[in-house]
Amino acid sequence: MEEKKERRVFRRAPIEASADIVESRMASIGRATIENIGVGGAFIRTDAEVKPGTVLSLLIHSDKLGGGILATARVIWVEPGKGVGVRFLEMESGDRLAIERYVAERAGVEGRFLADKVSS
C-alpha cells in the first residue's frame, strides 16, 4: 500500500466549528463543519459536491477563534461524501492571528499537531 505524503506546510489543529459556505459565483453551498484548521487552510466536512479549484467564501463560527472569521479559500482536494481540503487565499490579519493562537494553544495542551512539518 502506498503511503500518503503529507503536503501541508502550516500546522493544523483539530476544531469543531460551523461554517457558512458560498461558492464564488454566489451559489450557496450551505452550512458545514470545520474539522481542522491552520493558517494555511482547513478541512471542511460536507456532503456538497464541490470541485477542486472552486473558490469559496467562508464565514467560520467558533468562540475558540474569537467569534467569526471571514475568509476566501480555494478547494485543493475533495474526498467525495466526506469533505474538502481548502487553502486560504484571503482573510483579515486579526483572523489569521486568532487561528495562529488557537493552533499554538492546542499544541501546548495536546503536545501535537495534525501536521508538524515545515517546507524546505
C-alpha atoms as a PDB file:
ATOM      1  CA  MET A   1       0.000   0.000   0.000  1.00  0.00           C
ATOM      2  CA  GLU A   2       1.362   3.405  -0.980  1.00  0.00           C
ATOM      3  CA  GLU A   3       1.977   5.796   1.906  1.00  0.00           C
ATOM      4  CA  LYS A   4       0.137   9.122   1.637  1.00  0.00           C
ATOM      5  CA  LYS A   5       2.627  12.012   1.506  1.00  0.00           C
ATOM      6  CA  GLU A   6       1.917  14.956   3.804  1.00  0.00           C
ATOM      7  CA  ARG A   7       1.776  18.151   1.733  1.00  0.00           C
ATOM      8  CA  ARG A   8       0.826  20.684   4.390  1.00  0.00           C
ATOM      9  CA  VAL A   9       3.244  23.480   5.082  1.00  0.00           C
ATOM     10  CA  PHE A  10       1.359  25.060   8.017  1.00  0.00           C
ATOM     11  CA  ARG A  11       0.409  23.331  11.245  1.00  0.00           C
ATOM     12  CA  ARG A  12      -3.218  22.439  11.870  1.00  0.00           C
ATOM     13  CA  ALA A  13      -5.162  21.622  14.985  1.00  0.00           C
ATOM     14  CA  PRO A  14      -8.481  19.830  15.424  1.00  0.00           C
ATOM     15  CA  ILE A  15     -11.500  22.095  15.888  1.00  0.00           C
ATOM     16  CA  GLU A  16     -15.241  21.789  15.846  1.00  0.00           C
ATOM     17  CA  ALA A  17     -16.675  24.904  14.206  1.00  0.00           C
ATOM     18  CA  SER A  18     -19.558  25.551  11.881  1.00  0.00           C
ATOM     19  CA  ALA A  19     -19.167  27.470   8.641  1.00  0.00           C
ATOM     20  CA  ASP A  20     -21.487  29.122   6.150  1.00  0.00           C
ATOM     21  CA  ILE A  21     -20.142  28.464   2.649  1.00  0.00           C
ATOM     22  CA  VAL A  22     -20.854  30.364  -0.556  1.00  0.00           C
ATOM     23  CA  GLU A  23     -19.318  29.479  -3.916  1.00  0.00           C
ATOM     24  CA  SER A  24     -17.665  32.449  -5.598  1.00  0.00           C
ATOM     25  CA  ARG A  25     -20.439  32.774  -8.204  1.00  0.00           C
ATOM     26  CA  MET A  26     -22.856  33.288  -5.300  1.00  0.00           C
ATOM     27  CA  ALA A  27     -24.279  29.772  -5.311  1.00  0.00           C
ATOM     28  CA  SER A  28     -24.897  28.921  -1.669  1.00  0.00           C
ATOM     29  CA  ILE A  29     -23.429  25.588  -0.652  1.00  0.00           C
ATOM     30  CA  GLY A  30     -24.838  25.790   2.865  1.00  0.00           C
ATOM     31  CA  ARG A  31     -23.571  25.083   6.324  1.00  0.00           C
ATOM     32  CA  ALA A  32     -20.730  22.677   7.012  1.00  0.00           C
ATOM     33  CA  THR A  33     -18.348  21.703   9.811  1.00  0.00           C
ATOM     34  CA  ILE A  34     -14.704  22.690  10.006  1.00  0.00           C
ATOM     35  CA  GLU A  35     -12.869  19.620  11.306  1.00  0.00           C
ATOM     36  CA  ASN A  36      -9.333  21.019  11.475  1.00  0.00           C
ATOM     37  CA  ILE A  37      -7.785  24.390  10.805  1.00  0.00           C
ATOM     38  CA  GLY A  38      -4.451  26.153  10.398  1.00  0.00           C
ATOM     39  CA  VAL A  39      -3.329  29.463   8.949  1.00  0.00           C
ATOM     40  CA  GLY A  40      -2.878  27.814   5.554  1.00  0.00           C
ATOM     41  CA  GLY A  41      -6.243  26.105   5.280  1.00  0.00           C
ATOM     42  CA  ALA A  42      -8.825  23.747   6.725  1.00  0.00           C
ATOM     43  CA  PHE A  43     -10.708  20.513   6.226  1.00  0.00           C
ATOM     44  CA  ILE A  44     -14.432  21.111   5.758  1.00  0.00           C
ATOM     45  CA  ARG A  45     -16.787  18.195   6.370  1.00  0.00           C
ATOM     46  CA  THR A  46     -19.597  18.458   3.818  1.00  0.00           C
ATOM     47  CA  ASP A  47     -21.689  16.259   1.531  1.00  0.00           C
ATOM     48  CA  ALA A  48     -21.908  19.042  -1.059  1.00  0.00           C
ATOM     49  CA  GLU A  49     -20.371  18.342  -4.452  1.00  0.00           C
ATOM     50  CA  VAL A  50     -17.544  20.837  -4.806  1.00  0.00           C
ATOM     51  CA  LYS A  51     -14.812  20.572  -7.427  1.00  0.00           C
ATOM     52  CA  PRO A  52     -11.094  21.229  -6.892  1.00  0.00           C
ATOM     53  CA  GLY A  53     -10.252  24.789  -7.879  1.00  0.00           C
ATOM     54  CA  THR A  54     -13.590  26.184  -6.689  1.00  0.00           C
ATOM     55  CA  VAL A  55     -13.224  29.461  -4.791  1.00  0.00           C
ATOM     56  CA  LEU A  56     -15.365  29.692  -1.650  1.00  0.00           C
ATOM     57  CA  SER A  57     -16.312  32.427   0.789  1.00  0.00           C
ATOM     58  CA  LEU A  58     -16.369  31.072   4.328  1.00  0.00           C
ATOM     59  CA  LEU A  59     -17.833  32.506   7.499  1.00  0.00           C
ATOM     60  CA  ILE A  60     -16.401  30.336  10.262  1.00  0.00           C
ATOM     61  CA  HIS A  61     -18.259  30.437  13.596  1.00  0.00           C
ATOM     62  CA  SER A  62     -16.244  29.484  16.686  1.00  0.00           C
ATOM     63  CA  ASP A  63     -15.805  31.014  20.129  1.00  0.00           C
ATOM     64  CA  LYS A  64     -12.379  29.330  20.126  1.00  0.00           C
ATOM     65  CA  LEU A  65     -11.393  31.671  17.296  1.00  0.00           C
ATOM     66  CA  GLY A  66     -12.913  34.789  18.805  1.00  0.00           C
ATOM     67  CA  GLY A  67     -16.356  34.527  17.209  1.00  0.00           C
ATOM     68  CA  GLY A  68     -16.460  34.728  13.434  1.00  0.00           C
ATOM     69  CA  ILE A  69     -13.786  34.577  10.763  1.00  0.00           C
ATOM     70  CA  LEU A  70     -14.436  35.587   7.175  1.00  0.00           C
ATOM     71  CA  ALA A  71     -12.084  34.001   4.630  1.00  0.00           C
ATOM     72  CA  THR A  72     -11.770  33.274   0.940  1.00  0.00           C
ATOM     73  CA  ALA A  73     -10.449  29.801   0.134  1.00  0.00           C
ATOM     74  CA  ARG A  74      -9.747  27.561  -2.853  1.00  0.00           C
ATOM     75  CA  VAL A  75     -10.706  23.874  -2.814  1.00  0.00           C
ATOM     76  CA  ILE A  76      -7.472  21.904  -3.215  1.00  0.00           C
ATOM     77  CA  TRP A  77      -8.738  18.354  -2.868  1.00  0.00           C
ATOM     78  CA  VAL A  78     -12.031  16.542  -2.492  1.00  0.00           C
ATOM     79  CA  GLU A  79     -12.926  13.353  -0.641  1.00  0.00           C
ATOM     80  CA  PRO A  80     -16.409  12.569  -2.049  1.00  0.00           C
ATOM     81  CA  GLY A  81     -19.048  12.101   0.615  1.00  0.00           C
ATOM     82  CA  LYS A  82     -16.683  13.293   3.340  1.00  0.00           C
ATOM     83  CA  GLY A  83     -15.437  16.786   2.637  1.00  0.00           C
ATOM     84  CA  VAL A  84     -12.898  19.103   1.070  1.00  0.00           C
ATOM     85  CA  GLY A  85      -9.465  20.452   1.861  1.00  0.00           C
ATOM     86  CA  VAL A  86      -9.126  24.185   1.273  1.00  0.00           C
ATOM     87  CA  ARG A  87      -6.251  26.649   1.132  1.00  0.00           C
ATOM     88  CA  PHE A  88      -6.979  30.109   2.474  1.00  0.00           C
ATOM     89  CA  LEU A  89      -6.477  32.875  -0.088  1.00  0.00           C
ATOM     90  CA  GLU A  90      -7.598  35.937   1.875  1.00  0.00           C
ATOM     91  CA  MET A  91      -8.514  36.844   5.450  1.00  0.00           C
ATOM     92  CA  GLU A  92      -8.009  39.743   7.820  1.00  0.00           C
ATOM     93  CA  SER A  93      -4.708  39.759   9.721  1.00  0.00           C
ATOM     94  CA  GLY A  94      -6.576  39.626  13.056  1.00  0.00           C
ATOM     95  CA  ASP A  95      -8.399  36.471  11.937  1.00  0.00           C
ATOM     96  CA  ARG A  96      -5.111  34.885  10.860  1.00  0.00           C
ATOM     97  CA  LEU A  97      -3.644  35.732  14.261  1.00  0.00           C
ATOM     98  CA  ALA A  98      -6.643  34.133  16.008  1.00  0.00           C
ATOM     99  CA  ILE A  99      -6.020  30.889  14.083  1.00  0.00           C
ATOM    100  CA  GLU A 100      -2.268  31.011  14.856  1.00  0.00           C
ATOM    101  CA  ARG A 101      -3.013  31.442  18.562  1.00  0.00           C
ATOM    102  CA  TYR A 102      -5.563  28.628  18.560  1.00  0.00           C
ATOM    103  CA  VAL A 103      -3.182  26.197  16.846  1.00  0.00           C
ATOM    104  CA  ALA A 104      -0.319  27.134  19.220  1.00  0.00           C
ATOM    105  CA  GLU A 105      -2.603  26.754  22.239  1.00  0.00           C
ATOM    106  CA  ARG A 106      -3.783  23.323  21.109  1.00  0.00           C
ATOM    107  CA  ALA A 107      -0.187  22.212  20.579  1.00  0.00           C
ATOM    108  CA  GLY A 108       0.667  23.263  24.118  1.00  0.00           C
ATOM    109  CA  VAL A 109      -2.286  21.364  25.556  1.00  0.00           C
ATOM    110  CA  GLU A 110      -2.005  18.247  23.420  1.00  0.00           C
ATOM    111  CA  GLY A 111       1.683  18.370  22.530  1.00  0.00           C
ATOM    112  CA  ARG A 112       0.973  17.609  18.889  1.00  0.00           C
ATOM    113  CA  PHE A 113      -0.317  18.948  15.619  1.00  0.00           C
ATOM    114  CA  LEU A 114      -2.051  17.256  12.728  1.00  0.00           C
ATOM    115  CA  ALA A 115       0.937  18.330  10.663  1.00  0.00           C
ATOM    116  CA  ASP A 116       4.146  19.488  12.271  1.00  0.00           C
ATOM    117  CA  LYS A 117       6.174  19.952   9.140  1.00  0.00           C
ATOM    118  CA  VAL A 118       7.987  22.873   7.654  1.00  0.00           C
ATOM    119  CA  SER A 119       8.523  23.054   3.917  1.00  0.00           C
ATOM    120  CA  SER A 120      12.147  23.109   2.853  1.00  0.00           C
END
